[in-house]
Amino acid sequence: MKLKPLINKRKPMNKKAGIGIIIFFSVLLITLIMGFVAVMAWSIIDIASDELTPIMTDLGMVDSVNMSEASEYSFGIANTFIQSLPWVIGFGYVLVLIFTLVFVFIVGYSPHPAFIALYIVLMILLIFGCVIMSNIYQDIYTGTDEIAIRLQQQEMMSYLILYSPFIMSMIALIGGILMFTRQSSSEGGGTGGFGI
């Protein structure tokens, strides 16, 4: 009679263990996509800023208002902020990647070894997605248009996206080691084992 409640409690935890792995890979893939979108968006904004700033600063006097001076304060500050965004984007991107591993380590997530197959399949899909994304980025990066020039200026993010298949596979590998090697300690520690 006592075994039935234990079995009922374990079933939803099995599903939760699988969902945790899916969330881990989803965060990595979404981070890559968001990084790509952020870099492209910055490139477009930078092009617009380079076109608008000289025009706005050459307006001269309108009635008694010096529009050039006002534009230098507004558009000049905005342009300075836009020029510093590539480092902010790159730094934020790296922080998110590091946070995913730190989160796995701190939470102590340890799925059952039966989920290794799921983990490997998702890792392959992640690498496949990274290859597609890096190929798209490389096609744009190696061009000669205005966007390509802006992408080439973003050395940090360009490196992270172009080499994303290797970087993401290393993160997934380290994450897998942190997750699945924890099972031995949790098995011996009497905490229920495997996180299920």
N, C-alpha and C. Protein backbone atom coordinates (compact mmCIF):
# COMPACT_ATOMS: atom_id res chain seq x y z
N MET A 1 0.82 -1.21 0.00
CA MET A 1 0.00 0.00 0.00
C MET A 1 0.85 1.26 0.00
N LYS A 2 2.03 1.17 0.56
CA LYS A 2 2.90 2.34 0.66
C LYS A 2 3.62 2.65 -0.64
N LEU A 3 3.69 1.66 -1.56
CA LEU A 3 4.44 1.87 -2.81
C LEU A 3 3.67 2.73 -3.80
N LYS A 4 2.35 2.69 -3.77
CA LYS A 4 1.55 3.44 -4.75
C LYS A 4 1.77 4.94 -4.68
N PRO A 5 1.77 5.53 -3.48
CA PRO A 5 2.04 6.98 -3.43
C PRO A 5 3.41 7.35 -3.95
N LEU A 6 4.43 6.48 -3.73
CA LEU A 6 5.78 6.76 -4.20
C LEU A 6 5.84 6.74 -5.72
N ILE A 7 5.15 5.76 -6.32
CA ILE A 7 5.15 5.65 -7.78
C ILE A 7 4.44 6.86 -8.39
N ASN A 8 3.33 7.27 -7.79
CA ASN A 8 2.58 8.41 -8.30
C ASN A 8 3.38 9.71 -8.21
N LYS A 9 4.21 9.81 -7.18
CA LYS A 9 5.02 11.02 -7.02
C LYS A 9 6.18 11.06 -8.01
N ARG A 10 6.68 9.91 -8.42
CA ARG A 10 7.84 9.87 -9.30
C ARG A 10 7.50 10.18 -10.76
N LYS A 11 6.30 9.89 -11.21
CA LYS A 11 5.95 10.05 -12.63
C LYS A 11 6.02 11.50 -13.10
N PRO A 12 5.42 12.46 -12.38
CA PRO A 12 5.52 13.83 -12.86
C PRO A 12 6.94 14.38 -12.84
N MET A 13 7.79 13.86 -11.93
CA MET A 13 9.18 14.30 -11.85
C MET A 13 9.97 13.85 -13.07
N ASN A 14 9.59 12.68 -13.63
CA ASN A 14 10.26 12.20 -14.85
C ASN A 14 10.04 13.18 -15.99
N LYS A 15 8.80 13.66 -16.12
CA LYS A 15 8.49 14.62 -17.16
C LYS A 15 9.24 15.93 -16.91
N LYS A 16 9.34 16.31 -15.65
CA LYS A 16 10.02 17.54 -15.31
C LYS A 16 11.50 17.46 -15.66
N ALA A 17 12.11 16.28 -15.47
CA ALA A 17 13.53 16.10 -15.80
C ALA A 17 13.78 16.30 -17.29
N GLY A 18 12.87 15.76 -18.13
CA GLY A 18 13.01 15.94 -19.57
C GLY A 18 12.79 17.37 -20.00
N ILE A 19 11.84 18.04 -19.37
CA ILE A 19 11.55 19.44 -19.69
C ILE A 19 12.74 20.33 -19.35
N GLY A 20 13.44 20.02 -18.27
CA GLY A 20 14.62 20.80 -17.88
C GLY A 20 15.70 20.78 -18.96
N ILE A 21 15.91 19.63 -19.57
CA ILE A 21 16.89 19.51 -20.65
C ILE A 21 16.45 20.31 -21.87
N ILE A 22 15.15 20.22 -22.20
CA ILE A 22 14.62 20.96 -23.35
C ILE A 22 14.77 22.47 -23.12
N ILE A 23 14.49 22.92 -21.89
CA ILE A 23 14.63 24.34 -21.57
C ILE A 23 16.08 24.80 -21.72
N PHE A 24 17.03 23.97 -21.29
CA PHE A 24 18.46 24.29 -21.38
C PHE A 24 18.85 24.56 -22.83
N PHE A 25 18.45 23.65 -23.74
CA PHE A 25 18.80 23.82 -25.15
C PHE A 25 18.01 24.94 -25.80
N SER A 26 16.77 25.15 -25.35
CA SER A 26 15.96 26.24 -25.89
C SER A 26 16.60 27.59 -25.56
N VAL A 27 17.11 27.72 -24.34
CA VAL A 27 17.76 28.97 -23.93
C VAL A 27 18.99 29.23 -24.79
N LEU A 28 19.78 28.19 -25.06
CA LEU A 28 20.98 28.35 -25.89
C LEU A 28 20.62 28.77 -27.32
N LEU A 29 19.60 28.12 -27.89
CA LEU A 29 19.20 28.44 -29.26
C LEU A 29 18.59 29.83 -29.35
N ILE A 30 17.74 30.17 -28.38
CA ILE A 30 17.11 31.51 -28.37
C ILE A 30 18.17 32.59 -28.20
N THR A 31 19.19 32.31 -27.37
CA THR A 31 20.29 33.26 -27.17
C THR A 31 21.01 33.52 -28.48
N LEU A 32 21.28 32.46 -29.24
CA LEU A 32 21.94 32.61 -30.54
C LEU A 32 21.09 33.44 -31.50
N ILE A 33 19.79 33.14 -31.56
CA ILE A 33 18.89 33.87 -32.46
C ILE A 33 18.78 35.33 -32.06
N MET A 34 18.65 35.58 -30.74
CA MET A 34 18.55 36.95 -30.25
C MET A 34 19.84 37.73 -30.52
N GLY A 35 20.98 37.05 -30.38
CA GLY A 35 22.26 37.70 -30.70
C GLY A 35 22.34 38.09 -32.16
N PHE A 36 21.89 37.19 -33.04
CA PHE A 36 21.88 37.47 -34.48
C PHE A 36 20.97 38.66 -34.79
N VAL A 37 19.76 38.63 -34.22
CA VAL A 37 18.79 39.71 -34.45
C VAL A 37 19.33 41.04 -33.91
N ALA A 38 19.95 41.01 -32.73
CA ALA A 38 20.48 42.24 -32.12
C ALA A 38 21.58 42.86 -32.98
N VAL A 39 22.45 42.01 -33.52
CA VAL A 39 23.54 42.50 -34.37
C VAL A 39 23.00 43.11 -35.66
N MET A 40 22.02 42.45 -36.27
CA MET A 40 21.44 42.97 -37.50
C MET A 40 20.68 44.27 -37.24
N ALA A 41 19.95 44.31 -36.11
CA ALA A 41 19.20 45.53 -35.77
C ALA A 41 20.15 46.69 -35.52
N TRP A 42 21.27 46.42 -34.82
CA TRP A 42 22.24 47.49 -34.57
C TRP A 42 22.82 48.01 -35.88
N SER A 43 23.09 47.12 -36.81
CA SER A 43 23.66 47.52 -38.10
C SER A 43 22.73 48.48 -38.84
N ILE A 44 21.44 48.16 -38.83
CA ILE A 44 20.45 49.01 -39.51
C ILE A 44 20.33 50.36 -38.80
N ILE A 45 20.29 50.33 -37.46
CA ILE A 45 20.19 51.57 -36.68
C ILE A 45 21.43 52.44 -36.89
N ASP A 46 22.60 51.81 -36.96
CA ASP A 46 23.85 52.55 -37.14
C ASP A 46 23.89 53.22 -38.51
N ILE A 47 23.39 52.53 -39.53
CA ILE A 47 23.32 53.12 -40.87
C ILE A 47 22.41 54.34 -40.87
N ALA A 48 21.24 54.19 -40.22
CA ALA A 48 20.28 55.30 -40.14
C ALA A 48 20.87 56.47 -39.36
N SER A 49 21.60 56.15 -38.27
CA SER A 49 22.21 57.20 -37.45
C SER A 49 23.28 57.96 -38.22
N ASP A 50 24.08 57.24 -39.00
CA ASP A 50 25.13 57.88 -39.80
C ASP A 50 24.55 58.79 -40.88
N GLU A 51 23.36 58.44 -41.35
CA GLU A 51 22.72 59.27 -42.38
C GLU A 51 22.03 60.49 -41.78
N LEU A 52 21.37 60.30 -40.64
CA LEU A 52 20.57 61.37 -40.05
C LEU A 52 21.39 62.40 -39.27
N THR A 53 22.43 61.96 -38.57
CA THR A 53 23.19 62.87 -37.69
C THR A 53 23.77 64.06 -38.44
N PRO A 54 24.47 63.88 -39.58
CA PRO A 54 25.00 65.07 -40.30
C PRO A 54 23.90 66.01 -40.79
N ILE A 55 22.76 65.43 -41.20
CA ILE A 55 21.66 66.28 -41.70
C ILE A 55 21.09 67.12 -40.57
N MET A 56 20.87 66.50 -39.42
CA MET A 56 20.27 67.20 -38.29
C MET A 56 21.21 68.25 -37.69
N THR A 57 22.51 67.99 -37.73
CA THR A 57 23.46 68.95 -37.16
C THR A 57 23.74 70.13 -38.09
N ASP A 58 23.25 70.06 -39.34
CA ASP A 58 23.45 71.15 -40.31
C ASP A 58 22.17 71.96 -40.54
N LEU A 59 21.21 71.85 -39.65
CA LEU A 59 19.95 72.57 -39.83
C LEU A 59 20.10 74.08 -39.67
N GLY A 60 21.06 74.48 -38.83
CA GLY A 60 21.27 75.92 -38.61
C GLY A 60 20.21 76.51 -37.70
N MET A 61 19.93 77.83 -37.93
CA MET A 61 18.98 78.56 -37.08
C MET A 61 17.58 78.46 -37.67
N VAL A 62 16.61 78.16 -36.81
CA VAL A 62 15.19 78.19 -37.18
C VAL A 62 14.52 79.18 -36.24
N ASP A 63 14.12 80.35 -36.78
CA ASP A 63 13.64 81.48 -35.96
C ASP A 63 14.75 81.87 -34.99
N SER A 64 14.50 81.74 -33.70
CA SER A 64 15.52 82.09 -32.70
C SER A 64 16.15 80.87 -32.06
N VAL A 65 15.85 79.71 -32.61
CA VAL A 65 16.35 78.45 -32.04
C VAL A 65 17.49 77.91 -32.89
N ASN A 66 18.59 77.59 -32.25
CA ASN A 66 19.73 76.99 -32.94
C ASN A 66 19.50 75.48 -33.02
N MET A 67 18.93 75.02 -34.12
CA MET A 67 18.59 73.60 -34.29
C MET A 67 19.84 72.73 -34.39
N SER A 68 20.92 73.28 -34.93
CA SER A 68 22.16 72.51 -35.04
C SER A 68 22.71 72.16 -33.66
N GLU A 69 22.67 73.14 -32.76
CA GLU A 69 23.17 72.91 -31.40
C GLU A 69 22.28 71.92 -30.66
N ALA A 70 20.97 72.08 -30.84
CA ALA A 70 20.04 71.15 -30.19
C ALA A 70 20.22 69.74 -30.73
N SER A 71 20.45 69.62 -32.03
CA SER A 71 20.64 68.30 -32.64
C SER A 71 21.94 67.65 -32.20
N GLU A 72 22.96 68.48 -31.96
CA GLU A 72 24.23 67.93 -31.48
C GLU A 72 24.07 67.27 -30.12
N TYR A 73 23.24 67.88 -29.27
CA TYR A 73 22.99 67.29 -27.96
C TYR A 73 22.18 65.99 -28.07
N SER A 74 21.09 66.06 -28.85
CA SER A 74 20.19 64.90 -28.95
C SER A 74 20.77 63.79 -29.82
N PHE A 75 21.02 64.11 -31.10
CA PHE A 75 21.51 63.10 -32.02
C PHE A 75 22.96 62.72 -31.74
N GLY A 76 23.73 63.67 -31.23
CA GLY A 76 25.13 63.37 -30.90
C GLY A 76 25.23 62.36 -29.78
N ILE A 77 24.44 62.56 -28.73
CA ILE A 77 24.43 61.62 -27.60
C ILE A 77 23.88 60.26 -28.05
N ALA A 78 22.80 60.30 -28.85
CA ALA A 78 22.22 59.04 -29.35
C ALA A 78 23.22 58.28 -30.21
N ASN A 79 23.96 58.99 -31.04
CA ASN A 79 24.96 58.35 -31.90
C ASN A 79 26.09 57.74 -31.09
N THR A 80 26.51 58.44 -30.02
CA THR A 80 27.55 57.90 -29.13
C THR A 80 27.09 56.62 -28.46
N PHE A 81 25.82 56.62 -28.03
CA PHE A 81 25.25 55.42 -27.41
C PHE A 81 25.19 54.27 -28.40
N ILE A 82 24.77 54.57 -29.63
CA ILE A 82 24.67 53.53 -30.66
C ILE A 82 26.04 52.92 -30.96
N GLN A 83 27.09 53.77 -30.96
CA GLN A 83 28.43 53.27 -31.26
C GLN A 83 28.97 52.35 -30.16
N SER A 84 28.45 52.51 -28.94
CA SER A 84 28.92 51.66 -27.83
C SER A 84 28.09 50.38 -27.69
N LEU A 85 26.99 50.28 -28.42
CA LEU A 85 26.11 49.11 -28.31
C LEU A 85 26.75 47.77 -28.68
N PRO A 86 27.65 47.70 -29.70
CA PRO A 86 28.23 46.40 -30.03
C PRO A 86 28.90 45.71 -28.85
N TRP A 87 29.60 46.48 -28.01
CA TRP A 87 30.25 45.87 -26.85
C TRP A 87 29.23 45.45 -25.80
N VAL A 88 28.16 46.23 -25.68
CA VAL A 88 27.09 45.88 -24.74
C VAL A 88 26.40 44.59 -25.18
N ILE A 89 26.12 44.48 -26.47
CA ILE A 89 25.48 43.29 -27.02
C ILE A 89 26.39 42.07 -26.83
N GLY A 90 27.67 42.22 -27.17
CA GLY A 90 28.62 41.12 -27.03
C GLY A 90 28.79 40.68 -25.59
N PHE A 91 28.91 41.65 -24.68
CA PHE A 91 29.08 41.34 -23.27
C PHE A 91 27.84 40.65 -22.70
N GLY A 92 26.66 41.14 -23.09
CA GLY A 92 25.41 40.53 -22.64
C GLY A 92 25.25 39.11 -23.18
N TYR A 93 25.66 38.91 -24.42
CA TYR A 93 25.58 37.58 -25.04
C TYR A 93 26.45 36.57 -24.28
N VAL A 94 27.66 36.98 -23.97
CA VAL A 94 28.58 36.09 -23.23
C VAL A 94 28.04 35.81 -21.83
N LEU A 95 27.49 36.84 -21.18
CA LEU A 95 26.94 36.67 -19.83
C LEU A 95 25.80 35.65 -19.81
N VAL A 96 24.94 35.69 -20.83
CA VAL A 96 23.82 34.74 -20.88
C VAL A 96 24.34 33.32 -21.06
N LEU A 97 25.34 33.13 -21.91
CA LEU A 97 25.92 31.80 -22.12
C LEU A 97 26.56 31.27 -20.83
N ILE A 98 27.27 32.14 -20.13
CA ILE A 98 27.89 31.73 -18.86
C ILE A 98 26.81 31.43 -17.83
N PHE A 99 25.75 32.25 -17.81
CA PHE A 99 24.68 32.07 -16.83
C PHE A 99 24.00 30.72 -16.98
N THR A 100 23.84 30.23 -18.22
CA THR A 100 23.18 28.93 -18.42
C THR A 100 23.95 27.81 -17.72
N LEU A 101 25.30 27.86 -17.80
CA LEU A 101 26.12 26.85 -17.13
C LEU A 101 26.11 27.04 -15.61
N VAL A 102 26.20 28.30 -15.18
CA VAL A 102 26.18 28.59 -13.74
C VAL A 102 24.85 28.16 -13.14
N PHE A 103 23.77 28.37 -13.87
CA PHE A 103 22.44 28.01 -13.38
C PHE A 103 22.34 26.49 -13.19
N VAL A 104 22.85 25.73 -14.17
CA VAL A 104 22.85 24.27 -14.05
C VAL A 104 23.66 23.83 -12.85
N PHE A 105 24.79 24.50 -12.63
CA PHE A 105 25.68 24.14 -11.53
C PHE A 105 25.04 24.47 -10.17
N ILE A 106 24.45 25.67 -10.07
CA ILE A 106 23.87 26.11 -8.79
C ILE A 106 22.61 25.31 -8.44
N VAL A 107 21.75 25.11 -9.44
CA VAL A 107 20.49 24.40 -9.18
C VAL A 107 20.76 22.93 -8.83
N GLY A 108 21.85 22.39 -9.36
CA GLY A 108 22.17 20.99 -9.07
C GLY A 108 21.26 20.03 -9.83
N TYR A 109 20.85 20.44 -11.02
CA TYR A 109 19.95 19.62 -11.84
C TYR A 109 20.65 18.35 -12.28
N SER A 110 20.04 17.19 -11.98
CA SER A 110 20.68 15.91 -12.33
C SER A 110 19.64 14.94 -12.86
N PRO A 111 19.40 14.95 -14.17
CA PRO A 111 18.40 14.04 -14.75
C PRO A 111 18.87 12.59 -14.74
N HIS A 112 17.93 11.70 -14.92
CA HIS A 112 18.22 10.26 -14.98
C HIS A 112 19.06 9.96 -16.22
N PRO A 113 19.98 8.98 -16.13
CA PRO A 113 20.81 8.63 -17.30
C PRO A 113 20.01 8.24 -18.54
N ALA A 114 18.74 7.85 -18.34
CA ALA A 114 17.90 7.49 -19.49
C ALA A 114 17.68 8.68 -20.42
N PHE A 115 17.89 9.91 -19.91
CA PHE A 115 17.68 11.11 -20.71
C PHE A 115 18.92 11.49 -21.52
N ILE A 116 19.98 10.69 -21.44
CA ILE A 116 21.19 10.99 -22.22
C ILE A 116 20.90 10.98 -23.72
N ALA A 117 20.07 10.04 -24.15
CA ALA A 117 19.73 9.96 -25.58
C ALA A 117 19.03 11.23 -26.03
N LEU A 118 18.07 11.72 -25.22
CA LEU A 118 17.38 12.97 -25.53
C LEU A 118 18.37 14.13 -25.58
N TYR A 119 19.30 14.13 -24.63
CA TYR A 119 20.29 15.20 -24.55
C TYR A 119 21.16 15.23 -25.81
N ILE A 120 21.59 14.06 -26.26
CA ILE A 120 22.45 13.97 -27.44
C ILE A 120 21.70 14.42 -28.69
N VAL A 121 20.42 14.02 -28.81
CA VAL A 121 19.60 14.42 -29.97
C VAL A 121 19.44 15.94 -30.01
N LEU A 122 19.13 16.53 -28.85
CA LEU A 122 18.97 17.98 -28.78
C LEU A 122 20.30 18.71 -29.04
N MET A 123 21.40 18.11 -28.60
CA MET A 123 22.72 18.70 -28.84
C MET A 123 23.03 18.72 -30.34
N ILE A 124 22.69 17.64 -31.03
CA ILE A 124 22.90 17.57 -32.48
C ILE A 124 22.03 18.61 -33.20
N LEU A 125 20.77 18.73 -32.76
CA LEU A 125 19.86 19.72 -33.35
C LEU A 125 20.37 21.14 -33.11
N LEU A 126 20.91 21.39 -31.91
CA LEU A 126 21.46 22.71 -31.59
C LEU A 126 22.64 23.04 -32.50
N ILE A 127 23.54 22.09 -32.67
CA ILE A 127 24.71 22.30 -33.53
C ILE A 127 24.26 22.52 -34.97
N PHE A 128 23.27 21.76 -35.41
CA PHE A 128 22.73 21.92 -36.77
C PHE A 128 22.15 23.33 -36.95
N GLY A 129 21.40 23.79 -35.94
CA GLY A 129 20.85 25.15 -35.99
C GLY A 129 21.94 26.21 -36.00
N CYS A 130 23.01 25.97 -35.23
CA CYS A 130 24.14 26.91 -35.19
C CYS A 130 24.85 26.99 -36.53
N VAL A 131 24.99 25.84 -37.19
CA VAL A 131 25.64 25.80 -38.50
C VAL A 131 24.83 26.62 -39.51
N ILE A 132 23.51 26.44 -39.49
CA ILE A 132 22.64 27.21 -40.40
C ILE A 132 22.76 28.70 -40.12
N MET A 133 22.71 29.07 -38.82
CA MET A 133 22.76 30.48 -38.44
C MET A 133 24.11 31.10 -38.80
N SER A 134 25.19 30.38 -38.55
CA SER A 134 26.52 30.92 -38.85
C SER A 134 26.74 31.04 -40.36
N ASN A 135 26.16 30.12 -41.15
CA ASN A 135 26.27 30.21 -42.62
C ASN A 135 25.51 31.42 -43.15
N ILE A 136 24.32 31.66 -42.60
CA ILE A 136 23.54 32.85 -43.00
C ILE A 136 24.32 34.11 -42.65
N TYR A 137 24.88 34.12 -41.44
CA TYR A 137 25.63 35.29 -40.99
C TYR A 137 26.87 35.50 -41.85
N GLN A 138 27.55 34.42 -42.21
CA GLN A 138 28.77 34.53 -43.02
C GLN A 138 28.47 35.07 -44.41
N ASP A 139 27.33 34.66 -44.97
CA ASP A 139 26.94 35.16 -46.29
C ASP A 139 26.74 36.68 -46.27
N ILE A 140 26.14 37.17 -45.18
CA ILE A 140 25.94 38.62 -45.05
C ILE A 140 27.25 39.31 -44.69
N TYR A 141 28.03 38.69 -43.81
CA TYR A 141 29.28 39.26 -43.30
C TYR A 141 30.32 39.47 -44.40
N THR A 142 30.36 38.55 -45.35
CA THR A 142 31.38 38.61 -46.42
C THR A 142 30.95 39.48 -47.60
N GLY A 143 29.80 40.15 -47.48
CA GLY A 143 29.33 41.02 -48.56
C GLY A 143 30.09 42.34 -48.59
N THR A 144 29.66 43.22 -49.47
CA THR A 144 30.32 44.52 -49.62
C THR A 144 29.36 45.69 -49.37
N ASP A 145 28.15 45.39 -48.93
CA ASP A 145 27.16 46.44 -48.69
C ASP A 145 27.37 47.07 -47.31
N GLU A 146 26.49 48.03 -46.98
CA GLU A 146 26.61 48.76 -45.73
C GLU A 146 26.45 47.87 -44.50
N ILE A 147 25.52 46.92 -44.57
CA ILE A 147 25.30 46.02 -43.43
C ILE A 147 26.53 45.16 -43.20
N ALA A 148 27.15 44.67 -44.27
CA ALA A 148 28.35 43.85 -44.15
C ALA A 148 29.48 44.63 -43.48
N ILE A 149 29.61 45.90 -43.82
CA ILE A 149 30.65 46.75 -43.22
C ILE A 149 30.41 46.88 -41.73
N ARG A 150 29.13 47.05 -41.33
CA ARG A 150 28.80 47.17 -39.90
C ARG A 150 29.07 45.87 -39.16
N LEU A 151 28.75 44.75 -39.79
CA LEU A 151 28.99 43.46 -39.16
C LEU A 151 30.48 43.22 -38.96
N GLN A 152 31.28 43.65 -39.92
CA GLN A 152 32.73 43.49 -39.82
C GLN A 152 33.31 44.35 -38.70
N GLN A 153 32.61 45.44 -38.36
CA GLN A 153 33.06 46.29 -37.25
C GLN A 153 32.79 45.63 -35.89
N GLN A 154 31.82 44.74 -35.85
CA GLN A 154 31.47 44.06 -34.61
C GLN A 154 32.27 42.76 -34.49
N GLU A 155 33.52 42.90 -34.16
CA GLU A 155 34.43 41.75 -34.15
C GLU A 155 34.02 40.69 -33.13
N MET A 156 33.63 41.13 -31.95
CA MET A 156 33.30 40.20 -30.87
C MET A 156 32.09 39.34 -31.22
N MET A 157 30.97 39.99 -31.58
CA MET A 157 29.76 39.24 -31.89
C MET A 157 29.90 38.44 -33.18
N SER A 158 30.63 38.99 -34.13
CA SER A 158 30.86 38.25 -35.38
C SER A 158 31.60 36.95 -35.11
N TYR A 159 32.60 37.02 -34.25
CA TYR A 159 33.35 35.81 -33.88
C TYR A 159 32.45 34.81 -33.18
N LEU A 160 31.63 35.29 -32.22
CA LEU A 160 30.77 34.41 -31.44
C LEU A 160 29.71 33.73 -32.31
N ILE A 161 29.20 34.45 -33.31
CA ILE A 161 28.17 33.86 -34.17
C ILE A 161 28.80 32.95 -35.23
N LEU A 162 29.89 33.39 -35.84
CA LEU A 162 30.54 32.58 -36.87
C LEU A 162 31.05 31.26 -36.32
N TYR A 163 31.54 31.27 -35.08
CA TYR A 163 32.05 30.05 -34.46
C TYR A 163 31.06 29.47 -33.45
N SER A 164 29.78 29.80 -33.61
CA SER A 164 28.76 29.32 -32.69
C SER A 164 28.60 27.79 -32.67
N PRO A 165 28.79 27.07 -33.79
CA PRO A 165 28.68 25.60 -33.68
C PRO A 165 29.68 25.02 -32.67
N PHE A 166 30.92 25.50 -32.69
CA PHE A 166 31.92 25.00 -31.74
C PHE A 166 31.63 25.50 -30.33
N ILE A 167 31.31 26.79 -30.19
CA ILE A 167 31.07 27.38 -28.87
C ILE A 167 29.87 26.73 -28.19
N MET A 168 28.76 26.59 -28.93
CA MET A 168 27.56 25.99 -28.35
C MET A 168 27.74 24.51 -28.03
N SER A 169 28.49 23.80 -28.88
CA SER A 169 28.74 22.38 -28.59
C SER A 169 29.58 22.22 -27.33
N MET A 170 30.54 23.12 -27.09
CA MET A 170 31.33 23.08 -25.86
C MET A 170 30.47 23.38 -24.63
N ILE A 171 29.58 24.36 -24.77
CA ILE A 171 28.68 24.69 -23.65
C ILE A 171 27.74 23.53 -23.36
N ALA A 172 27.20 22.92 -24.42
CA ALA A 172 26.30 21.78 -24.25
C ALA A 172 27.04 20.59 -23.65
N LEU A 173 28.29 20.39 -24.05
CA LEU A 173 29.09 19.29 -23.51
C LEU A 173 29.37 19.50 -22.03
N ILE A 174 29.79 20.72 -21.66
CA ILE A 174 30.05 21.03 -20.25
C ILE A 174 28.77 20.93 -19.44
N GLY A 175 27.66 21.43 -20.00
CA GLY A 175 26.37 21.33 -19.32
C GLY A 175 25.96 19.89 -19.10
N GLY A 176 26.20 19.03 -20.10
CA GLY A 176 25.88 17.60 -19.96
C GLY A 176 26.71 16.93 -18.88
N ILE A 177 27.99 17.31 -18.83
CA ILE A 177 28.87 16.75 -17.78
C ILE A 177 28.38 17.17 -16.40
N LEU A 178 28.02 18.46 -16.26
CA LEU A 178 27.52 18.96 -14.97
C LEU A 178 26.23 18.26 -14.57
N MET A 179 25.36 18.00 -15.55
CA MET A 179 24.08 17.37 -15.24
C MET A 179 24.20 15.89 -14.91
N PHE A 180 24.84 15.15 -15.82
CA PHE A 180 24.78 13.69 -15.71
C PHE A 180 25.84 13.09 -14.79
N THR A 181 26.91 13.81 -14.49
CA THR A 181 27.89 13.27 -13.53
C THR A 181 27.45 13.52 -12.09
N ARG A 182 26.43 14.35 -11.91
CA ARG A 182 25.91 14.63 -10.58
C ARG A 182 25.15 13.45 -10.01
N GLN A 183 24.70 12.54 -10.88
CA GLN A 183 23.86 11.45 -10.44
C GLN A 183 24.55 10.53 -9.44
N SER A 184 25.87 10.36 -9.58
CA SER A 184 26.59 9.47 -8.66
C SER A 184 26.61 10.02 -7.24
N SER A 185 26.80 11.37 -7.14
CA SER A 185 26.84 11.97 -5.80
C SER A 185 25.44 12.00 -5.18
N SER A 186 24.42 12.29 -6.02
CA SER A 186 23.08 12.34 -5.47
C SER A 186 22.58 10.93 -5.14
N GLU A 187 23.10 9.93 -5.87
CA GLU A 187 22.71 8.54 -5.60
C GLU A 187 23.28 8.10 -4.26
N GLY A 188 24.50 8.52 -3.98
CA GLY A 188 25.13 8.11 -2.73
C GLY A 188 24.72 8.97 -1.57
N GLY A 189 24.18 10.18 -1.87
CA GLY A 189 23.84 11.10 -0.79
C GLY A 189 22.46 10.91 -0.22
N GLY A 190 21.68 9.98 -0.83
CA GLY A 190 20.36 9.69 -0.30
C GLY A 190 19.34 10.78 -0.56
N THR A 191 19.54 11.56 -1.63
CA THR A 191 18.61 12.66 -1.91
C THR A 191 17.53 12.24 -2.93
N GLY A 192 17.52 10.98 -3.29
CA GLY A 192 16.52 10.53 -4.25
C GLY A 192 17.16 10.12 -5.56
N GLY A 193 18.35 10.66 -5.87
CA GLY A 193 19.11 10.24 -7.05
C GLY A 193 18.55 10.76 -8.35
N PHE A 194 19.42 11.18 -9.26
CA PHE A 194 19.11 11.54 -10.65
C PHE A 194 18.15 12.72 -10.78
N GLY A 195 17.77 13.32 -9.69
CA GLY A 195 16.86 14.44 -9.78
C GLY A 195 15.45 14.06 -10.18
N ILE A 196 15.07 12.76 -9.99
CA ILE A 196 13.70 12.34 -10.33
C ILE A 196 13.04 11.75 -9.10
